[in-house]
Protein backbone atom coordinates (compact mmCIF):
# COMPACT_ATOMS: atom_id res chain seq x y z
CA MET A 1 -4.38 7.48 64.02
CA GLN A 2 -7.61 8.03 65.97
CA ASP A 3 -8.21 11.38 64.28
CA GLU A 4 -7.69 9.84 60.85
CA VAL A 5 -10.29 7.16 61.53
CA ARG A 6 -12.73 9.76 62.83
CA GLU A 7 -12.26 11.95 59.75
CA LYS A 8 -12.85 9.01 57.43
CA SER A 9 -16.01 7.91 59.22
CA VAL A 10 -17.36 11.48 59.20
CA ALA A 11 -16.64 11.78 55.46
CA LEU A 12 -18.37 8.45 54.84
CA THR A 13 -21.40 9.48 56.88
CA ILE A 14 -21.68 12.72 54.89
CA LYS A 15 -21.42 10.84 51.57
CA VAL A 16 -24.05 8.31 52.63
CA GLY A 17 -26.25 11.10 53.96
CA LYS A 18 -26.12 12.99 50.66
CA ALA A 19 -26.92 9.87 48.64
CA GLY A 20 -29.72 8.96 51.05
CA GLY A 21 -31.18 12.44 50.80
CA ARG A 22 -31.22 12.25 47.01
CA LEU A 23 -32.83 8.83 47.13
CA THR A 24 -35.54 10.02 49.51
CA ALA A 25 -36.27 13.11 47.40
CA GLY A 26 -36.52 10.95 44.28
CA LEU A 27 -38.89 8.55 46.01
CA LEU A 28 -41.05 11.41 47.24
CA LYS A 29 -41.30 12.95 43.78
CA TRP A 30 -42.19 9.58 42.29
CA ALA A 31 -44.85 8.95 44.95
CA ILE A 32 -46.38 12.41 44.44
CA ARG A 33 -46.51 11.90 40.67
CA LYS A 34 -48.20 8.52 41.14
CA TYR A 35 -50.72 10.04 43.53
CA LEU A 36 -51.49 12.96 41.22
CA ALA A 37 -51.89 10.63 38.23
CA GLN A 38 -54.44 8.56 40.14
CA ALA A 39 -56.27 11.63 41.46
CA GLN A 40 -57.09 12.82 37.93
């Protein structure tokens, strides 16, 4: 039972981490584009 809970929480953390990483990368790209557009 304990192992099952641990596995599920690890899987959830990995899923959230992947989604969070994508979100952060998207935000960074957007911010860089905005900055470059203003710099011109």
